[in-house]
Amino acid sequence: MSKLPRAGRLTRQLVPWVIPAALLIVWEVLSRVGVISPRTLPAPSAVVGATITLITTEQLLHDIAVSFQRAFVGFLIGGGVGFALGLLNGVSTISEGLLDSSIQMIRNIPHLAIIPLVILWFGIGETAKLFLVALGVFFPVYINTFYGIRGVEPGLLEMGRVYGLSRLALFWQIILPGALPSILVGLRYALGIMWLTLIVAETIAADSGIGEVTMSAREFMRTDVVVMGILLYALLGKLADSIARLLEGRLLQWHPSYQPK
């Protein structure tokens, strides 16, 4: 009997990979029989071969580390500022009146649309890339933090006041835990925006990183390396999302609506 739950968990873990694995098999077969041209889309085996070749030079590992560092630093900056302002506007109606309308207006401007302006401000160096990533992750973290705090049940707040909790205790014991599910949703959404923004930023101008690898490969018509770069972004994005889900599982075990994945 004890093996059944374990088998069920294993099945749930494998199911999401069925479609990607099937697509890879079909892709490989169509490439082998010549339906898909190697110049259009190289076979998965060719992409794996290109990856192994680049890894042996150690340059690819360096570029992955550079891209990850850019994403992480930009996320810390933008997410930290978004979280702080979300908390501030969520608990203070005065701060909300002063800041929220301006933030909402800026939010409606696509952050990738201001790339020419960012280049004029910061050039094409690291600052421009970090600014774009930080700006991209700022809004989902801010919005979900703000509305998560505003969505806390008023009855719980009133109960806390009845029990004599101070404002600080009320925040730590009721407001923040109540807003946590929404905050974590914003975190996962921001991680997706983070990689999307970094892809665009690195393909515009970069002397290192995954984007630089793919742009150099494009000049030499190395489609296998270009596809490898795209898949690397996808894998890093999946890794970031998995970490966010793990964090969600650790922090929301107490929540009645939480269901372990």
C-alpha atoms as a PDB file:
ATOM      1  CA  MET A   1       0.000   0.000   0.000  1.00  0.00           C
ATOM      2  CA  SER A   2       2.843   2.393   0.778  1.00  0.00           C
ATOM      3  CA  LYS A   3       4.180   2.051  -2.757  1.00  0.00           C
ATOM      4  CA  LEU A   4       1.044   3.441  -4.340  1.00  0.00           C
ATOM      5  CA  PRO A   5       1.385   7.040  -3.092  1.00  0.00           C
ATOM      6  CA  ARG A   6       5.065   7.022  -4.055  1.00  0.00           C
ATOM      7  CA  ALA A   7       4.193   5.732  -7.517  1.00  0.00           C
ATOM      8  CA  GLY A   8       1.503   8.373  -7.811  1.00  0.00           C
ATOM      9  CA  ARG A   9       3.959  11.141  -6.957  1.00  0.00           C
ATOM     10  CA  LEU A  10       6.443   9.799  -9.485  1.00  0.00           C
ATOM     11  CA  THR A  11       3.729   9.725 -12.148  1.00  0.00           C
ATOM     12  CA  ARG A  12       2.764  13.327 -11.422  1.00  0.00           C
ATOM     13  CA  GLN A  13       6.399  14.349 -11.730  1.00  0.00           C
ATOM     14  CA  LEU A  14       6.838  12.580 -15.060  1.00  0.00           C
ATOM     15  CA  VAL A  15       3.574  13.635 -16.729  1.00  0.00           C
ATOM     16  CA  PRO A  16       4.663  17.249 -17.464  1.00  0.00           C
ATOM     17  CA  TRP A  17       7.675  15.918 -19.392  1.00  0.00           C
ATOM     18  CA  VAL A  18       5.674  13.610 -21.688  1.00  0.00           C
ATOM     19  CA  ILE A  19       4.813  16.252 -24.293  1.00  0.00           C
ATOM     20  CA  PRO A  20       8.321  17.836 -24.399  1.00  0.00           C
ATOM     21  CA  ALA A  21       9.868  14.372 -24.794  1.00  0.00           C
ATOM     22  CA  ALA A  22       7.421  13.462 -27.561  1.00  0.00           C
ATOM     23  CA  LEU A  23       8.144  16.727 -29.392  1.00  0.00           C
ATOM     24  CA  LEU A  24      11.886  16.070 -29.203  1.00  0.00           C
ATOM     25  CA  ILE A  25      11.420  12.590 -30.658  1.00  0.00           C
ATOM     26  CA  VAL A  26       9.249  13.870 -33.524  1.00  0.00           C
ATOM     27  CA  TRP A  27      11.692  16.715 -34.130  1.00  0.00           C
ATOM     28  CA  GLU A  28      14.645  14.295 -34.320  1.00  0.00           C
ATOM     29  CA  VAL A  29      12.813  11.903 -36.654  1.00  0.00           C
ATOM     30  CA  LEU A  30      11.690  14.665 -39.019  1.00  0.00           C
ATOM     31  CA  SER A  31      15.233  16.028 -39.131  1.00  0.00           C
ATOM     32  CA  ARG A  32      16.694  12.592 -39.830  1.00  0.00           C
ATOM     33  CA  VAL A  33      14.369  11.905 -42.760  1.00  0.00           C
ATOM     34  CA  GLY A  34      14.983  15.347 -44.237  1.00  0.00           C
ATOM     35  CA  VAL A  35      11.570  16.892 -43.671  1.00  0.00           C
ATOM     36  CA  ILE A  36      13.171  19.656 -41.582  1.00  0.00           C
ATOM     37  CA  SER A  37      16.255  21.279 -43.094  1.00  0.00           C
ATOM     38  CA  PRO A  38      19.301  21.551 -40.785  1.00  0.00           C
ATOM     39  CA  ARG A  39      19.651  25.218 -41.739  1.00  0.00           C
ATOM     40  CA  THR A  40      16.069  25.839 -40.684  1.00  0.00           C
ATOM     41  CA  LEU A  41      16.023  23.786 -37.490  1.00  0.00           C
ATOM     42  CA  PRO A  42      18.854  21.381 -36.653  1.00  0.00           C
ATOM     43  CA  ALA A  43      18.121  18.037 -35.025  1.00  0.00           C
ATOM     44  CA  PRO A  44      18.184  17.790 -31.228  1.00  0.00           C
ATOM     45  CA  SER A  45      21.241  15.530 -31.504  1.00  0.00           C
ATOM     46  CA  ALA A  46      23.076  18.308 -33.404  1.00  0.00           C
ATOM     47  CA  VAL A  47      22.121  20.809 -30.725  1.00  0.00           C
ATOM     48  CA  VAL A  48      23.407  18.467 -28.016  1.00  0.00           C
ATOM     49  CA  GLY A  49      26.645  18.013 -29.959  1.00  0.00           C
ATOM     50  CA  ALA A  50      27.128  21.771 -30.257  1.00  0.00           C
ATOM     51  CA  THR A  51      26.445  22.156 -26.544  1.00  0.00           C
ATOM     52  CA  ILE A  52      29.037  19.540 -25.601  1.00  0.00           C
ATOM     53  CA  THR A  53      31.604  21.176 -27.877  1.00  0.00           C
ATOM     54  CA  LEU A  54      31.056  24.590 -26.314  1.00  0.00           C
ATOM     55  CA  ILE A  55      31.093  23.216 -22.771  1.00  0.00           C
ATOM     56  CA  THR A  56      34.512  21.667 -23.350  1.00  0.00           C
ATOM     57  CA  THR A  57      35.878  25.139 -24.070  1.00  0.00           C
ATOM     58  CA  GLU A  58      34.457  26.369 -20.723  1.00  0.00           C
ATOM     59  CA  GLN A  59      33.338  29.580 -22.462  1.00  0.00           C
ATOM     60  CA  LEU A  60      29.701  28.488 -22.451  1.00  0.00           C
ATOM     61  CA  LEU A  61      29.735  27.919 -18.689  1.00  0.00           C
ATOM     62  CA  HIS A  62      31.149  31.411 -18.246  1.00  0.00           C
ATOM     63  CA  ASP A  63      28.423  32.918 -20.451  1.00  0.00           C
ATOM     64  CA  ILE A  64      25.692  31.051 -18.552  1.00  0.00           C
ATOM     65  CA  ALA A  65      27.105  32.366 -15.277  1.00  0.00           C
ATOM     66  CA  VAL A  66      27.159  35.929 -16.655  1.00  0.00           C
ATOM     67  CA  SER A  67      23.528  35.736 -17.807  1.00  0.00           C
ATOM     68  CA  PHE A  68      22.441  34.219 -14.493  1.00  0.00           C
ATOM     69  CA  GLN A  69      24.225  36.976 -12.580  1.00  0.00           C
ATOM     70  CA  ARG A  70      22.520  39.680 -14.651  1.00  0.00           C
ATOM     71  CA  ALA A  71      19.123  38.091 -14.103  1.00  0.00           C
ATOM     72  CA  PHE A  72      19.688  37.595 -10.366  1.00  0.00           C
ATOM     73  CA  VAL A  73      20.987  41.115  -9.676  1.00  0.00           C
ATOM     74  CA  GLY A  74      18.262  42.736 -11.763  1.00  0.00           C
ATOM     75  CA  PHE A  75      15.632  40.648 -10.005  1.00  0.00           C
ATOM     76  CA  LEU A  76      16.954  41.587  -6.567  1.00  0.00           C
ATOM     77  CA  ILE A  77      16.869  45.287  -7.421  1.00  0.00           C
ATOM     78  CA  GLY A  78      13.498  45.415  -9.168  1.00  0.00           C
ATOM     79  CA  GLY A  79      11.823  42.837  -6.958  1.00  0.00           C
ATOM     80  CA  GLY A  80      13.142  44.456  -3.789  1.00  0.00           C
ATOM     81  CA  VAL A  81      11.901  47.900  -4.759  1.00  0.00           C
ATOM     82  CA  GLY A  82       8.551  46.495  -5.951  1.00  0.00           C
ATOM     83  CA  PHE A  83       8.087  44.541  -2.734  1.00  0.00           C
ATOM     84  CA  ALA A  84       8.953  47.551  -0.559  1.00  0.00           C
ATOM     85  CA  LEU A  85       6.587  49.890  -2.404  1.00  0.00           C
ATOM     86  CA  GLY A  86       3.865  47.243  -2.453  1.00  0.00           C
ATOM     87  CA  LEU A  87       4.132  46.915   1.309  1.00  0.00           C
ATOM     88  CA  LEU A  88       4.205  50.671   1.824  1.00  0.00           C
ATOM     89  CA  ASN A  89       1.207  51.409  -0.395  1.00  0.00           C
ATOM     90  CA  GLY A  90      -0.643  48.379   0.892  1.00  0.00           C
ATOM     91  CA  VAL A  91      -0.545  49.437   4.527  1.00  0.00           C
ATOM     92  CA  SER A  92      -0.683  53.219   4.032  1.00  0.00           C
ATOM     93  CA  THR A  93      -3.533  54.965   2.229  1.00  0.00           C
ATOM     94  CA  ILE A  94      -1.518  58.199   2.249  1.00  0.00           C
ATOM     95  CA  SER A  95       1.378  56.551   0.427  1.00  0.00           C
ATOM     96  CA  GLU A  96      -1.060  54.892  -1.968  1.00  0.00           C
ATOM     97  CA  GLY A  97      -2.600  58.241  -2.842  1.00  0.00           C
ATOM     98  CA  LEU A  98       0.812  59.748  -3.518  1.00  0.00           C
ATOM     99  CA  LEU A  99       2.487  56.919  -5.436  1.00  0.00           C
ATOM    100  CA  ASP A 100       0.085  54.304  -6.794  1.00  0.00           C
ATOM    101  CA  SER A 101      -1.428  56.346  -9.644  1.00  0.00           C
ATOM    102  CA  SER A 102       2.024  57.269 -10.960  1.00  0.00           C
ATOM    103  CA  ILE A 103       3.204  53.658 -10.750  1.00  0.00           C
ATOM    104  CA  GLN A 104       0.094  52.432 -12.581  1.00  0.00           C
ATOM    105  CA  MET A 105       0.657  54.947 -15.388  1.00  0.00           C
ATOM    106  CA  ILE A 106       4.259  53.836 -15.832  1.00  0.00           C
ATOM    107  CA  ARG A 107       3.162  50.180 -15.707  1.00  0.00           C
ATOM    108  CA  ASN A 108       1.104  50.657 -18.863  1.00  0.00           C
ATOM    109  CA  ILE A 109       4.234  51.547 -20.835  1.00  0.00           C
ATOM    110  CA  PRO A 110       5.834  48.335 -22.221  1.00  0.00           C
ATOM    111  CA  HIS A 111       9.257  48.302 -20.615  1.00  0.00           C
ATOM    112  CA  LEU A 112      10.872  46.838 -23.742  1.00  0.00           C
ATOM    113  CA  ALA A 113       9.534  49.781 -25.761  1.00  0.00           C
ATOM    114  CA  ILE A 114      11.855  52.167 -23.940  1.00  0.00           C
ATOM    115  CA  ILE A 115      15.031  50.323 -24.951  1.00  0.00           C
ATOM    116  CA  PRO A 116      16.171  53.185 -27.264  1.00  0.00           C
ATOM    117  CA  LEU A 117      15.767  55.607 -24.377  1.00  0.00           C
ATOM    118  CA  VAL A 118      17.596  53.270 -21.985  1.00  0.00           C
ATOM    119  CA  ILE A 119      20.506  53.048 -24.435  1.00  0.00           C
ATOM    120  CA  LEU A 120      20.649  56.853 -24.552  1.00  0.00           C
ATOM    121  CA  TRP A 121      20.660  56.975 -20.755  1.00  0.00           C
ATOM    122  CA  PHE A 122      23.055  54.153 -19.909  1.00  0.00           C
ATOM    123  CA  GLY A 123      24.701  53.127 -23.174  1.00  0.00           C
ATOM    124  CA  ILE A 124      24.913  49.424 -24.030  1.00  0.00           C
ATOM    125  CA  GLY A 125      26.783  48.267 -20.924  1.00  0.00           C
ATOM    126  CA  GLU A 126      25.711  46.270 -17.898  1.00  0.00           C
ATOM    127  CA  THR A 127      23.731  49.114 -16.348  1.00  0.00           C
ATOM    128  CA  ALA A 128      21.246  49.166 -19.228  1.00  0.00           C
ATOM    129  CA  LYS A 129      20.627  45.407 -18.985  1.00  0.00           C
ATOM    130  CA  LEU A 130      20.196  45.497 -15.213  1.00  0.00           C
ATOM    131  CA  PHE A 131      17.842  48.466 -15.480  1.00  0.00           C
ATOM    132  CA  LEU A 132      15.618  46.694 -18.011  1.00  0.00           C
ATOM    133  CA  VAL A 133      15.469  43.484 -15.956  1.00  0.00           C
ATOM    134  CA  ALA A 134      14.757  45.414 -12.754  1.00  0.00           C
ATOM    135  CA  LEU A 135      12.017  47.421 -14.450  1.00  0.00           C
ATOM    136  CA  GLY A 136      10.445  44.281 -15.882  1.00  0.00           C
ATOM    137  CA  VAL A 137      10.218  42.435 -12.557  1.00  0.00           C
ATOM    138  CA  PHE A 138       9.209  45.496 -10.536  1.00  0.00           C
ATOM    139  CA  PHE A 139       5.569  45.660 -11.601  1.00  0.00           C
ATOM    140  CA  PRO A 140       4.371  42.055 -11.056  1.00  0.00           C
ATOM    141  CA  VAL A 141       5.989  42.021  -7.609  1.00  0.00           C
ATOM    142  CA  TYR A 142       4.528  45.410  -6.726  1.00  0.00           C
ATOM    143  CA  ILE A 143       0.999  44.668  -7.969  1.00  0.00           C
ATOM    144  CA  ASN A 144       0.719  41.285  -6.265  1.00  0.00           C
ATOM    145  CA  THR A 145       2.199  42.554  -3.016  1.00  0.00           C
ATOM    146  CA  PHE A 146      -0.095  45.578  -2.950  1.00  0.00           C
ATOM    147  CA  TYR A 147      -3.306  43.681  -3.712  1.00  0.00           C
ATOM    148  CA  GLY A 148      -2.259  40.767  -1.519  1.00  0.00           C
ATOM    149  CA  ILE A 149      -2.078  43.075   1.476  1.00  0.00           C
ATOM    150  CA  ARG A 150      -5.320  44.831   0.567  1.00  0.00           C
ATOM    151  CA  GLY A 151      -7.008  41.445   0.181  1.00  0.00           C
ATOM    152  CA  VAL A 152      -6.397  40.313   3.765  1.00  0.00           C
ATOM    153  CA  GLU A 153      -9.691  39.495   5.494  1.00  0.00           C
ATOM    154  CA  PRO A 154     -10.884  42.491   7.544  1.00  0.00           C
ATOM    155  CA  GLY A 155     -12.285  40.070  10.116  1.00  0.00           C
ATOM    156  CA  LEU A 156      -8.807  38.743  10.829  1.00  0.00           C
ATOM    157  CA  LEU A 157      -7.494  42.263  11.327  1.00  0.00           C
ATOM    158  CA  GLU A 158     -10.327  43.073  13.689  1.00  0.00           C
ATOM    159  CA  MET A 159      -9.696  39.870  15.626  1.00  0.00           C
ATOM    160  CA  GLY A 160      -6.029  40.802  15.970  1.00  0.00           C
ATOM    161  CA  ARG A 161      -6.952  44.209  17.337  1.00  0.00           C
ATOM    162  CA  VAL A 162      -9.394  42.624  19.788  1.00  0.00           C
ATOM    163  CA  TYR A 163      -6.574  40.410  21.094  1.00  0.00           C
ATOM    164  CA  GLY A 164      -4.460  43.499  21.619  1.00  0.00           C
ATOM    165  CA  LEU A 165      -1.849  42.997  18.904  1.00  0.00           C
ATOM    166  CA  SER A 166       0.340  45.992  18.180  1.00  0.00           C
ATOM    167  CA  ARG A 167       0.602  47.355  14.649  1.00  0.00           C
ATOM    168  CA  LEU A 168       3.922  45.611  14.134  1.00  0.00           C
ATOM    169  CA  ALA A 169       2.608  42.305  15.483  1.00  0.00           C
ATOM    170  CA  LEU A 170      -0.534  42.705  13.383  1.00  0.00           C
ATOM    171  CA  PHE A 171       1.615  43.106  10.290  1.00  0.00           C
ATOM    172  CA  TRP A 172       3.914  40.129  10.970  1.00  0.00           C
ATOM    173  CA  GLN A 173       1.280  37.725  12.256  1.00  0.00           C
ATOM    174  CA  ILE A 174      -1.766  38.545  10.089  1.00  0.00           C
ATOM    175  CA  ILE A 175      -1.155  40.953   7.195  1.00  0.00           C
ATOM    176  CA  LEU A 176       2.062  39.519   5.737  1.00  0.00           C
ATOM    177  CA  PRO A 177       1.053  35.823   6.054  1.00  0.00           C
ATOM    178  CA  GLY A 178      -2.324  36.631   4.522  1.00  0.00           C
ATOM    179  CA  ALA A 179      -0.712  38.404   1.579  1.00  0.00           C
ATOM    180  CA  LEU A 180       1.961  35.734   1.054  1.00  0.00           C
ATOM    181  CA  PRO A 181       0.076  33.610  -1.543  1.00  0.00           C
ATOM    182  CA  SER A 182      -0.419  36.660  -3.759  1.00  0.00           C
ATOM    183  CA  ILE A 183       3.190  37.772  -3.250  1.00  0.00           C
ATOM    184  CA  LEU A 184       4.494  34.376  -4.352  1.00  0.00           C
ATOM    185  CA  VAL A 185       2.302  34.480  -7.466  1.00  0.00           C
ATOM    186  CA  GLY A 186       3.924  37.806  -8.296  1.00  0.00           C
ATOM    187  CA  LEU A 187       7.327  36.244  -7.695  1.00  0.00           C
ATOM    188  CA  ARG A 188       6.717  33.435 -10.191  1.00  0.00           C
ATOM    189  CA  TYR A 189       5.344  35.828 -12.789  1.00  0.00           C
ATOM    190  CA  ALA A 190       8.300  38.164 -12.290  1.00  0.00           C
ATOM    191  CA  LEU A 191      10.753  35.312 -12.869  1.00  0.00           C
ATOM    192  CA  GLY A 192       9.246  34.727 -16.310  1.00  0.00           C
ATOM    193  CA  ILE A 193       9.435  38.423 -17.154  1.00  0.00           C
ATOM    194  CA  MET A 194      13.030  38.458 -15.896  1.00  0.00           C
ATOM    195  CA  TRP A 195      14.247  35.929 -18.480  1.00  0.00           C
ATOM    196  CA  LEU A 196      12.153  37.430 -21.272  1.00  0.00           C
ATOM    197  CA  THR A 197      13.686  40.840 -20.630  1.00  0.00           C
ATOM    198  CA  LEU A 198      17.200  39.464 -20.379  1.00  0.00           C
ATOM    199  CA  ILE A 199      16.863  37.666 -23.716  1.00  0.00           C
ATOM    200  CA  VAL A 200      15.986  40.923 -25.464  1.00  0.00           C
ATOM    201  CA  ALA A 201      18.609  42.928 -23.577  1.00  0.00           C
ATOM    202  CA  GLU A 202      21.415  40.498 -24.377  1.00  0.00           C
ATOM    203  CA  THR A 203      20.566  40.187 -28.056  1.00  0.00           C
ATOM    204  CA  ILE A 204      20.701  43.969 -28.521  1.00  0.00           C
ATOM    205  CA  ALA A 205      24.273  44.398 -27.404  1.00  0.00           C
ATOM    206  CA  ALA A 206      26.451  42.171 -25.224  1.00  0.00           C
ATOM    207  CA  ASP A 207      30.050  41.025 -25.147  1.00  0.00           C
ATOM    208  CA  SER A 208      29.258  38.056 -22.918  1.00  0.00           C
ATOM    209  CA  GLY A 209      26.301  35.948 -21.859  1.00  0.00           C
ATOM    210  CA  ILE A 210      23.978  33.544 -23.645  1.00  0.00           C
ATOM    211  CA  GLY A 211      22.676  36.335 -25.867  1.00  0.00           C
ATOM    212  CA  GLU A 212      26.166  37.095 -27.125  1.00  0.00           C
ATOM    213  CA  VAL A 213      26.685  33.407 -27.936  1.00  0.00           C
ATOM    214  CA  THR A 214      23.503  33.259 -30.022  1.00  0.00           C
ATOM    215  CA  MET A 215      24.206  36.527 -31.836  1.00  0.00           C
ATOM    216  CA  SER A 216      27.723  35.404 -32.751  1.00  0.00           C
ATOM    217  CA  ALA A 217      26.313  32.071 -33.939  1.00  0.00           C
ATOM    218  CA  ARG A 218      23.774  33.886 -36.116  1.00  0.00           C
ATOM    219  CA  GLU A 219      26.563  35.733 -37.935  1.00  0.00           C
ATOM    220  CA  PHE A 220      28.213  32.416 -38.777  1.00  0.00           C
ATOM    221  CA  MET A 221      24.889  30.688 -39.621  1.00  0.00           C
ATOM    222  CA  ARG A 222      25.294  28.271 -36.692  1.00  0.00           C
ATOM    223  CA  THR A 223      21.622  27.443 -36.251  1.00  0.00           C
ATOM    224  CA  ASP A 224      22.438  24.644 -33.814  1.00  0.00           C
ATOM    225  CA  VAL A 225      24.106  27.096 -31.420  1.00  0.00           C
ATOM    226  CA  VAL A 226      21.219  29.567 -31.773  1.00  0.00           C
ATOM    227  CA  VAL A 227      18.721  26.846 -30.844  1.00  0.00           C
ATOM    228  CA  MET A 228      20.980  25.820 -27.973  1.00  0.00           C
ATOM    229  CA  GLY A 229      20.883  29.374 -26.614  1.00  0.00           C
ATOM    230  CA  ILE A 230      17.092  29.462 -26.816  1.00  0.00           C
ATOM    231  CA  LEU A 231      16.826  26.134 -24.986  1.00  0.00           C
ATOM    232  CA  LEU A 232      19.259  27.350 -22.322  1.00  0.00           C
ATOM    233  CA  TYR A 233      17.018  30.323 -21.613  1.00  0.00           C
ATOM    234  CA  ALA A 234      14.048  27.958 -21.377  1.00  0.00           C
ATOM    235  CA  LEU A 235      15.870  25.608 -18.981  1.00  0.00           C
ATOM    236  CA  LEU A 236      17.064  28.457 -16.766  1.00  0.00           C
ATOM    237  CA  GLY A 237      13.527  29.829 -16.683  1.00  0.00           C
ATOM    238  CA  LYS A 238      12.191  26.402 -15.713  1.00  0.00           C
ATOM    239  CA  LEU A 239      14.831  26.127 -12.984  1.00  0.00           C
ATOM    240  CA  ALA A 240      13.855  29.521 -11.576  1.00  0.00           C
ATOM    241  CA  ASP A 241      10.174  28.564 -11.612  1.00  0.00           C
ATOM    242  CA  SER A 242      10.918  25.263  -9.860  1.00  0.00           C
ATOM    243  CA  ILE A 243      12.797  27.108  -7.129  1.00  0.00           C
ATOM    244  CA  ALA A 244       9.838  29.473  -6.727  1.00  0.00           C
ATOM    245  CA  ARG A 245       7.457  26.513  -6.429  1.00  0.00           C
ATOM    246  CA  LEU A 246       9.721  24.899  -3.831  1.00  0.00           C
ATOM    247  CA  LEU A 247       9.719  28.151  -1.867  1.00  0.00           C
ATOM    248  CA  GLU A 248       5.950  28.304  -2.215  1.00  0.00           C
ATOM    249  CA  GLY A 249       5.635  24.797  -0.800  1.00  0.00           C
ATOM    250  CA  ARG A 250       7.814  25.658   2.181  1.00  0.00           C
ATOM    251  CA  LEU A 251       6.046  28.921   3.010  1.00  0.00           C
ATOM    252  CA  LEU A 252       2.419  27.961   2.351  1.00  0.00           C
ATOM    253  CA  GLN A 253       2.092  24.581   4.061  1.00  0.00           C
ATOM    254  CA  TRP A 254      -0.053  26.230   6.711  1.00  0.00           C
ATOM    255  CA  HIS A 255      -2.467  27.770   4.183  1.00  0.00           C
ATOM    256  CA  PRO A 256      -5.817  25.910   3.965  1.00  0.00           C
ATOM    257  CA  SER A 257      -6.087  26.337   0.182  1.00  0.00           C
ATOM    258  CA  TYR A 258      -2.547  25.201  -0.563  1.00  0.00           C
ATOM    259  CA  GLN A 259      -2.237  21.879  -2.378  1.00  0.00           C
ATOM    260  CA  PRO A 260       1.244  20.294  -2.671  1.00  0.00           C
ATOM    261  CA  LYS A 261       2.353  19.693  -6.253  1.00  0.00           C
END
